[in-house]
Amino acid sequence: MRCAIYTRKSTTHGLRDEFTSLDAQRDSCLNYIQSQKSQGWEALPDLYDDGGFTGANMERPNLERLLGDIQKKRIDCVVVYKVDRMPRSLLDFCKLLEFFEKNKVGFVSVTQHFDTNTSMGRLTLNILLSFSQFEREMISERIRDKFEQRAQRGMYNGGRAPFGYKKVDKKLVIDKQ
């Protein structure tokens, strides 16, 4: 069973550190694969790490490379630390699972044990994905509400300063010129 490990981190913060969260995710996945060695599992040496990419969509270079390698029949199983490392959209994840099934590729989440080959496993996965999508939507709503409240108070939310203004200490001031 040729296992590809996929890791993702939303931000670039800390990616230059000696040991990153991508490394921690990979180590957990490697340990899990090692525990399945008697079943013939082996970790592929290729790194499928997407640091600084959101889980809101599928536009990630190493996820795309992973999918290409699956189509080339180089991978038998995809192992992730948590389900939310994959797409957080329920629709995108269902499409991804359909792609895995079509290509006869298994999917394992190290911290959330389920088997995508059983109806109970698929139900569990769908529940987890629903909560993951809900969490992403709640975060978006909180950020949007914060920006709206800041704007109502006349506070600057970032970006280019409008014509006639300049940025000083993260605030807009009138540019008399």
N, C-alpha and C. Protein backbone atom coordinates (compact mmCIF):
# COMPACT_ATOMS: atom_id res chain seq x y z
N MET A 1 0.86 -1.17 0.00
CA MET A 1 0.00 0.00 0.00
C MET A 1 0.91 1.23 0.00
N ARG A 2 1.00 1.89 -1.14
CA ARG A 2 1.85 3.08 -1.28
C ARG A 2 1.08 4.29 -0.76
N CYS A 3 1.58 4.87 0.32
CA CYS A 3 0.87 5.95 1.01
C CYS A 3 1.52 7.30 0.77
N ALA A 4 0.72 8.25 0.32
CA ALA A 4 1.17 9.62 0.16
C ALA A 4 0.66 10.42 1.35
N ILE A 5 1.53 11.20 1.94
CA ILE A 5 1.14 12.05 3.06
C ILE A 5 0.91 13.46 2.54
N TYR A 6 -0.28 14.00 2.83
CA TYR A 6 -0.60 15.37 2.43
C TYR A 6 -0.70 16.23 3.69
N THR A 7 0.01 17.38 3.68
CA THR A 7 -0.05 18.31 4.80
C THR A 7 -0.40 19.70 4.27
N ARG A 8 -1.06 20.49 5.13
CA ARG A 8 -1.43 21.86 4.76
C ARG A 8 -1.43 22.73 6.00
N LYS A 9 -1.04 23.98 5.80
CA LYS A 9 -1.11 25.01 6.84
C LYS A 9 -1.63 26.27 6.17
N SER A 10 -2.61 26.93 6.79
CA SER A 10 -3.25 28.08 6.15
C SER A 10 -2.35 29.29 6.00
N THR A 11 -1.48 29.50 6.94
CA THR A 11 -0.66 30.71 6.91
C THR A 11 0.80 30.36 6.64
N THR A 12 1.57 31.37 6.29
CA THR A 12 3.00 31.17 6.07
C THR A 12 3.79 31.40 7.35
N HIS A 13 3.11 31.87 8.39
CA HIS A 13 3.77 32.13 9.67
C HIS A 13 4.44 30.86 10.21
N GLY A 14 5.73 30.96 10.47
CA GLY A 14 6.47 29.85 11.06
C GLY A 14 6.95 28.80 10.09
N LEU A 15 6.72 29.00 8.79
CA LEU A 15 7.12 27.98 7.82
C LEU A 15 8.64 27.90 7.64
N ARG A 16 9.35 28.93 8.07
CA ARG A 16 10.81 28.91 7.96
C ARG A 16 11.48 28.38 9.23
N ASP A 17 10.66 28.03 10.22
CA ASP A 17 11.21 27.49 11.47
C ASP A 17 11.86 26.12 11.21
N GLU A 18 12.69 25.71 12.15
CA GLU A 18 13.36 24.43 12.01
C GLU A 18 12.37 23.27 12.00
N PHE A 19 11.32 23.37 12.82
CA PHE A 19 10.29 22.33 12.88
C PHE A 19 8.95 23.03 12.78
N THR A 20 8.21 22.76 11.72
CA THR A 20 6.95 23.45 11.46
C THR A 20 5.76 22.54 11.76
N SER A 21 4.57 23.12 11.68
CA SER A 21 3.37 22.29 11.87
C SER A 21 3.23 21.29 10.72
N LEU A 22 3.77 21.62 9.55
CA LEU A 22 3.77 20.65 8.45
C LEU A 22 4.61 19.43 8.82
N ASP A 23 5.76 19.69 9.47
CA ASP A 23 6.62 18.59 9.93
C ASP A 23 5.90 17.75 10.98
N ALA A 24 5.20 18.41 11.89
CA ALA A 24 4.47 17.69 12.94
C ALA A 24 3.37 16.82 12.34
N GLN A 25 2.63 17.38 11.37
CA GLN A 25 1.59 16.60 10.69
C GLN A 25 2.19 15.38 10.00
N ARG A 26 3.30 15.61 9.28
CA ARG A 26 3.95 14.52 8.55
C ARG A 26 4.44 13.43 9.51
N ASP A 27 5.05 13.84 10.64
CA ASP A 27 5.53 12.85 11.62
C ASP A 27 4.40 11.98 12.14
N SER A 28 3.26 12.59 12.45
CA SER A 28 2.10 11.81 12.92
C SER A 28 1.63 10.83 11.86
N CYS A 29 1.61 11.27 10.62
CA CYS A 29 1.19 10.40 9.53
C CYS A 29 2.19 9.27 9.32
N LEU A 30 3.47 9.58 9.39
CA LEU A 30 4.51 8.55 9.25
C LEU A 30 4.39 7.50 10.35
N ASN A 31 4.15 7.96 11.57
CA ASN A 31 3.98 7.02 12.69
C ASN A 31 2.79 6.09 12.46
N TYR A 32 1.70 6.66 11.94
CA TYR A 32 0.52 5.85 11.66
C TYR A 32 0.82 4.80 10.58
N ILE A 33 1.49 5.25 9.53
CA ILE A 33 1.83 4.33 8.44
C ILE A 33 2.74 3.22 8.96
N GLN A 34 3.70 3.59 9.82
CA GLN A 34 4.59 2.58 10.42
C GLN A 34 3.78 1.56 11.22
N SER A 35 2.72 2.01 11.89
CA SER A 35 1.90 1.10 12.69
C SER A 35 1.13 0.12 11.81
N GLN A 36 1.02 0.43 10.53
CA GLN A 36 0.29 -0.43 9.58
C GLN A 36 1.25 -1.23 8.68
N LYS A 37 2.53 -1.20 9.04
CA LYS A 37 3.55 -1.86 8.22
C LYS A 37 3.25 -3.34 8.00
N SER A 38 2.70 -4.00 9.02
CA SER A 38 2.38 -5.43 8.89
C SER A 38 1.29 -5.67 7.84
N GLN A 39 0.53 -4.62 7.51
CA GLN A 39 -0.51 -4.71 6.48
C GLN A 39 0.05 -4.35 5.10
N GLY A 40 1.37 -4.08 5.04
CA GLY A 40 2.01 -3.77 3.77
C GLY A 40 2.05 -2.29 3.43
N TRP A 41 1.79 -1.43 4.40
CA TRP A 41 1.80 0.01 4.15
C TRP A 41 3.23 0.54 4.13
N GLU A 42 3.49 1.47 3.21
CA GLU A 42 4.77 2.16 3.17
C GLU A 42 4.54 3.60 2.74
N ALA A 43 5.31 4.51 3.36
CA ALA A 43 5.20 5.93 3.04
C ALA A 43 6.04 6.24 1.81
N LEU A 44 5.45 6.94 0.87
CA LEU A 44 6.20 7.38 -0.30
C LEU A 44 7.12 8.53 0.10
N PRO A 45 8.27 8.68 -0.53
CA PRO A 45 9.21 9.74 -0.15
C PRO A 45 8.79 11.14 -0.60
N ASP A 46 7.89 11.24 -1.57
CA ASP A 46 7.47 12.55 -2.07
C ASP A 46 6.77 13.35 -0.99
N LEU A 47 7.06 14.67 -0.95
CA LEU A 47 6.41 15.56 0.01
C LEU A 47 5.29 16.31 -0.71
N TYR A 48 4.10 16.23 -0.14
CA TYR A 48 2.94 16.95 -0.66
C TYR A 48 2.53 17.95 0.41
N ASP A 49 3.31 19.02 0.54
CA ASP A 49 3.11 20.04 1.57
C ASP A 49 2.63 21.34 0.94
N ASP A 50 1.52 21.86 1.42
CA ASP A 50 1.02 23.16 0.97
C ASP A 50 0.99 24.12 2.15
N GLY A 51 2.06 24.86 2.32
CA GLY A 51 2.13 25.86 3.38
C GLY A 51 1.66 27.20 2.87
N GLY A 52 0.76 27.83 3.62
CA GLY A 52 0.25 29.14 3.24
C GLY A 52 -0.93 29.07 2.30
N PHE A 53 -1.68 27.97 2.32
CA PHE A 53 -2.84 27.82 1.44
C PHE A 53 -4.08 27.51 2.25
N THR A 54 -5.17 28.18 1.92
CA THR A 54 -6.43 28.01 2.61
C THR A 54 -7.07 26.65 2.30
N GLY A 55 -7.91 26.21 3.21
CA GLY A 55 -8.67 24.99 2.98
C GLY A 55 -10.01 25.28 2.31
N ALA A 56 -10.23 26.56 1.98
CA ALA A 56 -11.51 26.96 1.41
C ALA A 56 -11.69 26.51 -0.04
N ASN A 57 -10.58 26.18 -0.71
CA ASN A 57 -10.70 25.75 -2.10
C ASN A 57 -9.65 24.68 -2.41
N MET A 58 -9.62 24.25 -3.65
CA MET A 58 -8.72 23.16 -4.06
C MET A 58 -7.49 23.69 -4.81
N GLU A 59 -7.34 24.99 -4.88
CA GLU A 59 -6.25 25.59 -5.66
C GLU A 59 -4.97 25.63 -4.84
N ARG A 60 -4.28 24.48 -4.83
CA ARG A 60 -3.04 24.33 -4.10
C ARG A 60 -2.08 23.50 -4.94
N PRO A 61 -0.86 23.99 -5.15
CA PRO A 61 0.05 23.31 -6.07
C PRO A 61 0.35 21.85 -5.72
N ASN A 62 0.59 21.55 -4.46
CA ASN A 62 0.95 20.17 -4.11
C ASN A 62 -0.26 19.26 -4.02
N LEU A 63 -1.44 19.81 -3.76
CA LEU A 63 -2.65 18.99 -3.85
C LEU A 63 -2.89 18.60 -5.31
N GLU A 64 -2.68 19.55 -6.21
CA GLU A 64 -2.84 19.26 -7.63
C GLU A 64 -1.82 18.21 -8.09
N ARG A 65 -0.58 18.31 -7.58
CA ARG A 65 0.45 17.33 -7.92
C ARG A 65 0.07 15.95 -7.37
N LEU A 66 -0.48 15.93 -6.14
CA LEU A 66 -0.95 14.68 -5.54
C LEU A 66 -2.02 14.03 -6.41
N LEU A 67 -2.99 14.82 -6.86
CA LEU A 67 -4.07 14.30 -7.70
C LEU A 67 -3.52 13.77 -9.03
N GLY A 68 -2.52 14.46 -9.57
CA GLY A 68 -1.88 13.99 -10.80
C GLY A 68 -1.18 12.66 -10.60
N ASP A 69 -0.49 12.51 -9.45
CA ASP A 69 0.19 11.25 -9.15
C ASP A 69 -0.81 10.11 -8.92
N ILE A 70 -1.98 10.45 -8.39
CA ILE A 70 -3.04 9.44 -8.23
C ILE A 70 -3.50 8.96 -9.60
N GLN A 71 -3.70 9.90 -10.52
CA GLN A 71 -4.13 9.52 -11.87
C GLN A 71 -3.08 8.67 -12.57
N LYS A 72 -1.80 8.88 -12.23
CA LYS A 72 -0.72 8.09 -12.83
C LYS A 72 -0.53 6.76 -12.11
N LYS A 73 -1.43 6.45 -11.17
CA LYS A 73 -1.43 5.17 -10.43
C LYS A 73 -0.17 4.99 -9.57
N ARG A 74 0.36 6.07 -9.01
CA ARG A 74 1.55 6.00 -8.16
C ARG A 74 1.21 5.90 -6.68
N ILE A 75 -0.08 6.08 -6.36
CA ILE A 75 -0.51 6.17 -4.96
C ILE A 75 -1.70 5.24 -4.73
N ASP A 76 -1.67 4.54 -3.57
CA ASP A 76 -2.78 3.66 -3.20
C ASP A 76 -3.63 4.23 -2.07
N CYS A 77 -3.05 5.14 -1.28
CA CYS A 77 -3.75 5.68 -0.12
C CYS A 77 -3.21 7.08 0.19
N VAL A 78 -4.11 7.99 0.54
CA VAL A 78 -3.73 9.34 0.97
C VAL A 78 -3.94 9.41 2.48
N VAL A 79 -2.89 9.84 3.19
CA VAL A 79 -2.94 9.93 4.64
C VAL A 79 -2.79 11.39 5.05
N VAL A 80 -3.70 11.86 5.89
CA VAL A 80 -3.65 13.23 6.41
C VAL A 80 -3.71 13.20 7.92
N TYR A 81 -3.27 14.27 8.55
CA TYR A 81 -3.32 14.37 10.01
C TYR A 81 -4.77 14.54 10.46
N LYS A 82 -5.48 15.46 9.79
CA LYS A 82 -6.89 15.74 10.08
C LYS A 82 -7.63 15.97 8.77
N VAL A 83 -8.91 15.70 8.77
CA VAL A 83 -9.73 15.87 7.58
C VAL A 83 -9.69 17.31 7.08
N ASP A 84 -9.61 18.28 7.98
CA ASP A 84 -9.66 19.68 7.55
C ASP A 84 -8.40 20.14 6.82
N ARG A 85 -7.41 19.26 6.68
CA ARG A 85 -6.23 19.58 5.85
C ARG A 85 -6.61 19.51 4.38
N MET A 86 -7.67 18.79 4.07
CA MET A 86 -8.19 18.69 2.71
C MET A 86 -9.17 19.86 2.53
N PRO A 87 -9.98 19.87 1.47
CA PRO A 87 -10.92 20.99 1.31
C PRO A 87 -11.93 21.05 2.45
N ARG A 88 -12.25 22.26 2.89
CA ARG A 88 -13.24 22.42 3.96
C ARG A 88 -14.65 22.53 3.40
N SER A 89 -14.75 22.65 2.10
CA SER A 89 -16.06 22.68 1.46
C SER A 89 -16.56 21.24 1.34
N LEU A 90 -17.76 21.00 1.82
CA LEU A 90 -18.34 19.66 1.76
C LEU A 90 -18.46 19.19 0.32
N LEU A 91 -18.86 20.08 -0.57
CA LEU A 91 -19.00 19.72 -1.98
C LEU A 91 -17.65 19.34 -2.58
N ASP A 92 -16.61 20.16 -2.34
CA ASP A 92 -15.28 19.85 -2.86
C ASP A 92 -14.75 18.55 -2.29
N PHE A 93 -15.00 18.31 -1.01
CA PHE A 93 -14.49 17.08 -0.40
C PHE A 93 -15.20 15.85 -0.96
N CYS A 94 -16.49 15.97 -1.18
CA CYS A 94 -17.23 14.85 -1.78
C CYS A 94 -16.71 14.54 -3.17
N LYS A 95 -16.40 15.59 -3.95
CA LYS A 95 -15.82 15.39 -5.27
C LYS A 95 -14.46 14.72 -5.16
N LEU A 96 -13.68 15.12 -4.16
CA LEU A 96 -12.37 14.53 -3.96
C LEU A 96 -12.49 13.05 -3.59
N LEU A 97 -13.42 12.72 -2.69
CA LEU A 97 -13.63 11.32 -2.32
C LEU A 97 -14.09 10.50 -3.53
N GLU A 98 -14.92 11.10 -4.36
CA GLU A 98 -15.37 10.41 -5.58
C GLU A 98 -14.17 10.14 -6.50
N PHE A 99 -13.27 11.13 -6.60
CA PHE A 99 -12.05 10.97 -7.39
C PHE A 99 -11.20 9.84 -6.82
N PHE A 100 -11.04 9.80 -5.48
CA PHE A 100 -10.28 8.73 -4.84
C PHE A 100 -10.90 7.36 -5.16
N GLU A 101 -12.22 7.28 -5.01
CA GLU A 101 -12.91 6.02 -5.25
C GLU A 101 -12.75 5.56 -6.69
N LYS A 102 -12.90 6.51 -7.62
CA LYS A 102 -12.76 6.20 -9.04
C LYS A 102 -11.36 5.65 -9.34
N ASN A 103 -10.36 6.17 -8.65
CA ASN A 103 -8.97 5.76 -8.86
C ASN A 103 -8.51 4.67 -7.89
N LYS A 104 -9.47 4.13 -7.12
CA LYS A 104 -9.18 3.05 -6.16
C LYS A 104 -8.11 3.43 -5.15
N VAL A 105 -8.25 4.65 -4.61
CA VAL A 105 -7.31 5.17 -3.62
C VAL A 105 -8.03 5.32 -2.29
N GLY A 106 -7.43 4.79 -1.22
CA GLY A 106 -8.00 4.93 0.11
C GLY A 106 -7.70 6.30 0.70
N PHE A 107 -8.41 6.64 1.77
CA PHE A 107 -8.20 7.91 2.45
C PHE A 107 -8.24 7.67 3.94
N VAL A 108 -7.20 8.15 4.64
CA VAL A 108 -7.10 7.96 6.09
C VAL A 108 -6.79 9.29 6.75
N SER A 109 -7.52 9.56 7.82
CA SER A 109 -7.21 10.68 8.71
C SER A 109 -6.67 10.07 9.99
N VAL A 110 -5.45 10.45 10.34
CA VAL A 110 -4.76 9.84 11.47
C VAL A 110 -5.48 10.10 12.79
N THR A 111 -6.00 11.31 12.98
CA THR A 111 -6.60 11.66 14.28
C THR A 111 -8.10 11.40 14.34
N GLN A 112 -8.73 11.15 13.20
CA GLN A 112 -10.16 10.90 13.17
C GLN A 112 -10.38 9.57 12.46
N HIS A 113 -10.44 8.51 13.21
CA HIS A 113 -10.46 7.16 12.64
C HIS A 113 -11.79 6.85 11.96
N PHE A 114 -11.71 6.56 10.69
CA PHE A 114 -12.88 6.11 9.94
C PHE A 114 -12.42 5.38 8.70
N ASP A 115 -13.32 4.58 8.16
CA ASP A 115 -13.05 3.79 6.96
C ASP A 115 -14.02 4.25 5.89
N THR A 116 -13.51 4.84 4.82
CA THR A 116 -14.38 5.37 3.76
C THR A 116 -15.04 4.27 2.93
N ASN A 117 -14.71 3.01 3.23
CA ASN A 117 -15.32 1.90 2.49
C ASN A 117 -16.63 1.42 3.10
N THR A 118 -17.01 1.96 4.28
CA THR A 118 -18.25 1.54 4.92
C THR A 118 -19.23 2.71 4.97
N SER A 119 -20.52 2.40 5.04
CA SER A 119 -21.53 3.46 5.10
C SER A 119 -21.39 4.27 6.40
N MET A 120 -21.06 3.61 7.52
CA MET A 120 -20.87 4.32 8.79
C MET A 120 -19.66 5.24 8.71
N GLY A 121 -18.60 4.79 8.06
CA GLY A 121 -17.39 5.61 7.89
C GLY A 121 -17.68 6.84 7.04
N ARG A 122 -18.46 6.67 5.97
CA ARG A 122 -18.81 7.82 5.12
C ARG A 122 -19.71 8.79 5.88
N LEU A 123 -20.64 8.28 6.70
CA LEU A 123 -21.50 9.15 7.50
C LEU A 123 -20.65 9.96 8.48
N THR A 124 -19.73 9.30 9.17
CA THR A 124 -18.85 9.99 10.12
C THR A 124 -18.05 11.07 9.41
N LEU A 125 -17.52 10.74 8.26
CA LEU A 125 -16.75 11.70 7.49
C LEU A 125 -17.60 12.90 7.09
N ASN A 126 -18.82 12.65 6.63
CA ASN A 126 -19.69 13.76 6.22
C ASN A 126 -20.04 14.66 7.40
N ILE A 127 -20.23 14.08 8.57
CA ILE A 127 -20.51 14.89 9.77
C ILE A 127 -19.30 15.76 10.08
N LEU A 128 -18.10 15.18 10.07
CA LEU A 128 -16.88 15.95 10.33
C LEU A 128 -16.72 17.07 9.31
N LEU A 129 -16.98 16.77 8.05
CA LEU A 129 -16.84 17.79 7.00
C LEU A 129 -17.87 18.90 7.17
N SER A 130 -19.07 18.54 7.57
CA SER A 130 -20.09 19.57 7.79
C SER A 130 -19.65 20.54 8.88
N PHE A 131 -19.08 20.00 9.97
CA PHE A 131 -18.60 20.88 11.03
C PHE A 131 -17.41 21.71 10.57
N SER A 132 -16.55 21.14 9.76
CA SER A 132 -15.40 21.86 9.25
C SER A 132 -15.85 23.03 8.37
N GLN A 133 -16.82 22.79 7.49
CA GLN A 133 -17.35 23.86 6.64
C GLN A 133 -18.04 24.91 7.50
N PHE A 134 -18.81 24.48 8.50
CA PHE A 134 -19.48 25.41 9.41
C PHE A 134 -18.45 26.31 10.10
N GLU A 135 -17.36 25.72 10.58
CA GLU A 135 -16.31 26.49 11.26
C GLU A 135 -15.73 27.54 10.31
N ARG A 136 -15.44 27.16 9.07
CA ARG A 136 -14.89 28.10 8.09
C ARG A 136 -15.86 29.26 7.84
N GLU A 137 -17.14 28.95 7.72
CA GLU A 137 -18.15 29.98 7.48
C GLU A 137 -18.29 30.91 8.68
N MET A 138 -18.21 30.36 9.89
CA MET A 138 -18.29 31.18 11.11
C MET A 138 -17.10 32.13 11.20
N ILE A 139 -15.92 31.66 10.88
CA ILE A 139 -14.73 32.51 10.89
C ILE A 139 -14.90 33.65 9.89
N SER A 140 -15.40 33.34 8.70
CA SER A 140 -15.63 34.37 7.67
C SER A 140 -16.63 35.40 8.16
N GLU A 141 -17.70 34.94 8.78
CA GLU A 141 -18.72 35.87 9.29
C GLU A 141 -18.14 36.77 10.37
N ARG A 142 -17.35 36.22 11.29
CA ARG A 142 -16.77 37.04 12.36
C ARG A 142 -15.83 38.09 11.78
N ILE A 143 -15.03 37.73 10.80
CA ILE A 143 -14.10 38.68 10.19
C ILE A 143 -14.88 39.77 9.47
N ARG A 144 -15.90 39.37 8.69
CA ARG A 144 -16.72 40.36 7.98
C ARG A 144 -17.40 41.31 8.96
N ASP A 145 -17.96 40.77 10.07
CA ASP A 145 -18.62 41.61 11.07
C ASP A 145 -17.63 42.59 11.70
N LYS A 146 -16.41 42.11 11.99
CA LYS A 146 -15.39 42.99 12.58
C LYS A 146 -15.05 44.13 11.63
N PHE A 147 -14.85 43.83 10.34
CA PHE A 147 -14.54 44.88 9.37
C PHE A 147 -15.68 45.88 9.26
N GLU A 148 -16.91 45.38 9.28
CA GLU A 148 -18.07 46.25 9.18
C GLU A 148 -18.16 47.18 10.40
N GLN A 149 -17.93 46.62 11.58
CA GLN A 149 -17.97 47.44 12.80
C GLN A 149 -16.85 48.47 12.80
N ARG A 150 -15.69 48.10 12.34
CA ARG A 150 -14.57 49.05 12.26
C ARG A 150 -14.92 50.18 11.29
N ALA A 151 -15.50 49.83 10.15
CA ALA A 151 -15.86 50.84 9.15
C ALA A 151 -16.93 51.78 9.71
N GLN A 152 -17.90 51.24 10.46
CA GLN A 152 -18.95 52.09 11.05
C GLN A 152 -18.37 53.07 12.05
N ARG A 153 -17.27 52.73 12.66
CA ARG A 153 -16.61 53.63 13.62
C ARG A 153 -15.60 54.54 12.94
N GLY A 154 -15.54 54.47 11.60
CA GLY A 154 -14.62 55.32 10.86
C GLY A 154 -13.18 54.82 10.88
N MET A 155 -13.00 53.58 11.26
CA MET A 155 -11.65 53.02 11.32
C MET A 155 -11.26 52.47 9.96
N TYR A 156 -9.98 52.45 9.70
CA TYR A 156 -9.41 52.00 8.43
C TYR A 156 -9.22 50.49 8.47
N ASN A 157 -9.65 49.79 7.43
CA ASN A 157 -9.54 48.33 7.37
C ASN A 157 -8.38 47.83 6.52
N GLY A 158 -7.55 48.71 6.03
CA GLY A 158 -6.39 48.28 5.25
C GLY A 158 -6.58 48.49 3.77
N GLY A 159 -5.55 48.11 3.02
CA GLY A 159 -5.57 48.30 1.58
C GLY A 159 -5.00 49.66 1.21
N ARG A 160 -5.16 50.02 -0.05
CA ARG A 160 -4.66 51.32 -0.52
C ARG A 160 -5.48 52.44 0.09
N ALA A 161 -4.80 53.50 0.41
CA ALA A 161 -5.49 54.68 0.95
C ALA A 161 -6.31 55.31 -0.18
N PRO A 162 -7.56 55.72 0.12
CA PRO A 162 -8.37 56.38 -0.90
C PRO A 162 -7.76 57.72 -1.31
N PHE A 163 -8.13 58.21 -2.50
CA PHE A 163 -7.62 59.48 -2.99
C PHE A 163 -7.91 60.58 -1.96
N GLY A 164 -6.89 61.37 -1.67
CA GLY A 164 -7.04 62.46 -0.72
C GLY A 164 -6.63 62.10 0.70
N TYR A 165 -6.23 60.84 0.89
CA TYR A 165 -5.82 60.38 2.22
C TYR A 165 -4.46 59.69 2.12
N LYS A 166 -3.80 59.60 3.27
CA LYS A 166 -2.57 58.81 3.34
C LYS A 166 -2.60 58.02 4.64
N LYS A 167 -1.81 56.95 4.67
CA LYS A 167 -1.75 56.10 5.86
C LYS A 167 -0.65 56.60 6.78
N VAL A 168 -1.01 56.80 8.05
CA VAL A 168 -0.04 57.17 9.07
C VAL A 168 -0.36 56.33 10.31
N ASP A 169 0.61 55.50 10.73
CA ASP A 169 0.41 54.63 11.90
C ASP A 169 -0.88 53.82 11.81
N LYS A 170 -1.10 53.20 10.66
CA LYS A 170 -2.26 52.34 10.40
C LYS A 170 -3.60 53.08 10.45
N LYS A 171 -3.54 54.41 10.31
CA LYS A 171 -4.76 55.21 10.27
C LYS A 171 -4.73 56.08 9.02
N LEU A 172 -5.94 56.49 8.59
CA LEU A 172 -6.05 57.39 7.44
C LEU A 172 -6.08 58.83 7.94
N VAL A 173 -5.28 59.65 7.32
CA VAL A 173 -5.32 61.09 7.61
C VAL A 173 -5.43 61.82 6.29
N ILE A 174 -6.05 62.99 6.32
CA ILE A 174 -6.23 63.77 5.10
C ILE A 174 -4.87 64.22 4.59
N ASP A 175 -4.66 64.03 3.29
CA ASP A 175 -3.43 64.48 2.63
C ASP A 175 -3.76 65.83 2.00
N LYS A 176 -3.30 66.87 2.60
CA LYS A 176 -3.65 68.23 2.15
C LYS A 176 -3.16 68.55 0.76
N GLN A 177 -2.14 67.84 0.29
CA GLN A 177 -1.66 68.06 -1.07
C GLN A 177 -2.68 67.55 -2.06
